Amino acid sequence: MSTHRPFRFSPASTTDRSRGPTLADFPVRTIEKLRFADTDRNGHITNSVFAICCQNARMELLCDPRKVPLPPSAQFMIARLLLEFRAELHWPGTVAVGTRVERVGRSSVTLIQGLFIDECCAATAESVVALMDKTSRRSTLLPEATAQALRALSHTSSSVLPREAVHMNGEGRTSE
């Protein structure tokens, strides 16, 4: 009997669990370019690059004060990362990374991400990030404005994406 835990959908989600996630399940999306240097000797994109794509998309969201306002004395730190591989990635190409907020706690937030090649979900990730005070290096409570901004990026939010939610990786170009 397998102890493998499939990608977790919230009970509130109307998504059919048998088909897996789609990019439409994620209100924030970004594109990452796959590089030749990211390949292994078998021509596959290495496992570490999956985590790097998730990190880039996660930080692009959490470090943008227009999307997630933070006090200047605080920053997010990762506390947990669970990455599940569903399909191979190959060079050349790009991967779309979808991100949504699953849960907002008192000092942390749980993010769910999916990596997609065309319509195929190649991997899913669940990460917990905690807000940390830069001076004490200890977790601190999420300010209400931060918590509200994060809740707006949950799967229960409107399915209409704000124009700034769909963009190319850090380049400010929008695509829909």
Protein backbone atom coordinates (compact mmCIF):
# COMPACT_ATOMS: atom_id res chain seq x y z
CA MET A 1 0.00 0.00 0.00
CA SER A 2 1.40 3.36 -1.04
CA THR A 3 1.72 6.23 1.40
CA HIS A 4 2.00 8.72 -1.50
CA ARG A 5 -0.23 11.71 -0.89
CA PRO A 6 -1.69 13.16 -4.14
CA PHE A 7 -1.81 16.88 -4.83
CA ARG A 8 -4.10 18.38 -2.25
CA PHE A 9 -7.15 20.28 -3.38
CA SER A 10 -9.15 22.23 -0.87
CA PRO A 11 -12.56 20.72 -0.11
CA ALA A 12 -14.01 24.05 -1.29
CA SER A 13 -12.47 23.55 -4.72
CA THR A 14 -14.80 22.57 -7.51
CA THR A 15 -11.94 21.04 -9.48
CA ASP A 16 -12.24 17.38 -10.49
CA ARG A 17 -9.53 15.70 -8.44
CA SER A 18 -9.04 12.81 -10.87
CA ARG A 19 -7.69 15.02 -13.65
CA GLY A 20 -5.18 16.96 -11.55
CA PRO A 21 -4.70 20.71 -11.45
CA THR A 22 -4.80 23.03 -14.43
CA LEU A 23 -3.21 26.44 -14.80
CA ALA A 24 -6.70 27.94 -14.48
CA ASP A 25 -6.70 26.75 -10.82
CA PHE A 26 -4.05 29.38 -9.98
CA PRO A 27 -4.72 33.14 -9.82
CA VAL A 28 -1.04 34.13 -10.11
CA ARG A 29 1.00 32.91 -13.07
CA THR A 30 4.53 33.41 -14.28
CA ILE A 31 6.72 31.95 -17.03
CA GLU A 32 10.20 30.48 -16.49
CA LYS A 33 12.62 29.77 -19.32
CA LEU A 34 14.23 26.32 -19.27
CA ARG A 35 17.96 26.40 -20.07
CA PHE A 36 20.27 23.83 -21.60
CA ALA A 37 22.38 24.14 -18.43
CA ASP A 38 19.35 22.85 -16.49
CA THR A 39 19.50 19.40 -18.09
CA ASP A 40 20.99 16.15 -16.82
CA ARG A 41 22.84 13.56 -18.89
CA ASN A 42 19.50 12.03 -19.95
CA GLY A 43 18.26 15.31 -21.41
CA HIS A 44 15.73 15.93 -18.63
CA ILE A 45 15.44 19.12 -16.64
CA THR A 46 17.00 18.33 -13.25
CA ASN A 47 14.85 18.02 -10.14
CA SER A 48 16.45 21.06 -8.50
CA VAL A 49 15.19 23.28 -11.32
CA PHE A 50 11.59 22.37 -10.44
CA ALA A 51 12.24 23.80 -6.94
CA ILE A 52 13.99 26.86 -8.41
CA CYS A 53 11.01 27.60 -10.68
CA CYS A 54 8.72 27.41 -7.63
CA GLN A 55 11.05 29.64 -5.62
CA ASN A 56 11.26 32.26 -8.38
CA ALA A 57 7.47 32.44 -8.72
CA ARG A 58 6.98 32.42 -4.94
CA MET A 59 9.49 35.23 -4.35
CA GLU A 60 8.22 37.23 -7.31
CA LEU A 61 4.83 37.29 -5.60
CA LEU A 62 5.93 37.73 -1.98
CA CYS A 63 8.53 40.43 -2.70
CA ASP A 64 6.23 42.64 -4.77
CA PRO A 65 4.84 45.33 -2.43
CA ARG A 66 2.06 46.11 -4.95
CA LYS A 67 0.71 42.58 -4.45
CA VAL A 68 1.76 41.72 -0.88
CA PRO A 69 2.54 44.75 1.31
CA LEU A 70 5.13 44.08 4.02
CA PRO A 71 6.61 46.20 6.78
CA PRO A 72 10.19 47.22 5.88
CA SER A 73 11.45 45.38 8.96
CA ALA A 74 10.07 41.98 7.84
CA GLN A 75 10.62 39.39 5.13
CA PHE A 76 9.29 35.93 4.30
CA MET A 77 11.35 32.79 4.91
CA ILE A 78 10.53 29.29 3.77
CA ALA A 79 9.67 26.82 6.51
CA ARG A 80 8.53 23.83 4.44
CA LEU A 81 8.59 22.68 0.82
CA LEU A 82 6.88 19.57 -0.55
CA LEU A 83 7.47 18.92 -4.25
CA GLU A 84 5.72 16.15 -6.18
CA PHE A 85 6.92 15.21 -9.66
CA ARG A 86 4.22 14.25 -12.17
CA ALA A 87 5.97 14.45 -15.56
CA GLU A 88 9.36 15.18 -17.13
CA LEU A 89 10.46 18.59 -18.34
CA HIS A 90 12.74 18.95 -21.36
CA TRP A 91 14.84 21.69 -22.93
CA PRO A 92 14.21 23.88 -24.90
CA GLY A 93 11.04 25.44 -23.63
CA THR A 94 9.29 27.36 -20.95
CA VAL A 95 7.30 26.28 -17.94
CA ALA A 96 4.27 28.15 -16.60
CA VAL A 97 4.16 28.33 -12.81
CA GLY A 98 0.78 28.88 -11.19
CA THR A 99 0.58 30.00 -7.57
CA ARG A 100 -2.31 30.34 -5.17
CA VAL A 101 -2.73 30.87 -1.45
CA GLU A 102 -4.13 27.81 0.29
CA ARG A 103 -4.16 29.08 3.88
CA VAL A 104 -3.29 32.27 5.73
CA GLY A 105 -2.25 31.75 9.34
CA ARG A 106 -1.23 34.19 12.07
CA SER A 107 2.43 34.43 10.98
CA SER A 108 2.62 32.13 7.96
CA VAL A 109 1.00 31.37 4.65
CA THR A 110 0.66 28.09 2.74
CA LEU A 111 1.10 28.35 -1.03
CA ILE A 112 0.16 25.75 -3.64
CA GLN A 113 1.95 25.82 -6.98
CA GLY A 114 1.76 23.92 -10.24
CA LEU A 115 4.35 23.71 -13.02
CA PHE A 116 2.84 23.33 -16.49
CA ILE A 117 4.10 22.53 -19.98
CA ASP A 118 1.20 23.30 -22.29
CA GLU A 119 -1.78 21.70 -20.54
CA CYS A 120 0.31 19.07 -18.72
CA CYS A 121 0.97 19.51 -15.00
CA ALA A 122 4.61 18.43 -14.57
CA ALA A 123 4.82 19.03 -10.81
CA THR A 124 2.97 20.39 -7.82
CA ALA A 125 4.40 22.05 -4.74
CA GLU A 126 3.17 23.05 -1.34
CA SER A 127 5.21 25.55 0.62
CA VAL A 128 4.82 27.22 3.98
CA VAL A 129 6.47 30.59 4.39
CA ALA A 130 6.62 32.51 7.65
CA LEU A 131 6.99 36.23 8.12
CA MET A 132 10.25 36.97 9.94
CA ASP A 133 11.41 40.10 11.74
CA LYS A 134 14.76 41.04 10.15
CA THR A 135 16.29 42.18 13.44
CA SER A 136 15.23 39.42 15.84
CA ARG A 137 15.23 36.72 13.11
CA ARG A 138 12.05 35.32 14.71
CA SER A 139 8.61 34.88 13.20
CA THR A 140 6.22 37.78 13.55
CA LEU A 141 2.48 38.21 13.05
CA LEU A 142 1.20 39.03 9.57
CA PRO A 143 -0.10 42.61 9.44
CA GLU A 144 -3.79 42.75 8.52
CA ALA A 145 -3.05 44.41 5.14
CA THR A 146 -0.64 41.58 4.30
CA ALA A 147 -3.13 38.90 5.37
CA GLN A 148 -5.91 40.51 3.30
CA ALA A 149 -3.70 40.75 0.22
CA LEU A 150 -2.75 37.08 0.57
CA ARG A 151 -6.36 35.96 1.05
CA ALA A 152 -7.24 37.73 -2.22
CA LEU A 153 -4.89 35.28 -3.98
CA SER A 154 -6.64 32.15 -2.76
CA HIS A 155 -8.46 29.62 -4.90
CA THR A 156 -11.76 30.95 -3.56
CA SER A 157 -11.05 34.40 -5.01
CA SER A 158 -12.71 35.59 -8.16
CA SER A 159 -11.72 33.63 -11.23
CA VAL A 160 -11.12 36.91 -13.07
CA LEU A 161 -7.40 37.61 -12.95
CA PRO A 162 -6.15 41.13 -12.39
CA ARG A 163 -4.02 42.22 -15.34
CA GLU A 164 -0.88 42.39 -13.17
CA ALA A 165 -1.36 38.77 -11.98
CA VAL A 166 -0.34 37.32 -15.36
CA HIS A 167 3.15 38.30 -16.43
CA MET A 168 6.46 37.15 -17.73
CA ASN A 169 9.10 36.34 -15.15
CA GLY A 170 10.15 39.67 -13.65
CA GLU A 171 10.15 41.53 -16.94
CA GLY A 172 6.91 43.43 -16.48
CA ARG A 173 5.44 42.24 -19.76
CA THR A 174 1.85 41.09 -19.46
CA SER A 175 0.33 38.20 -21.32
CA GLU A 176 -3.20 36.80 -21.18
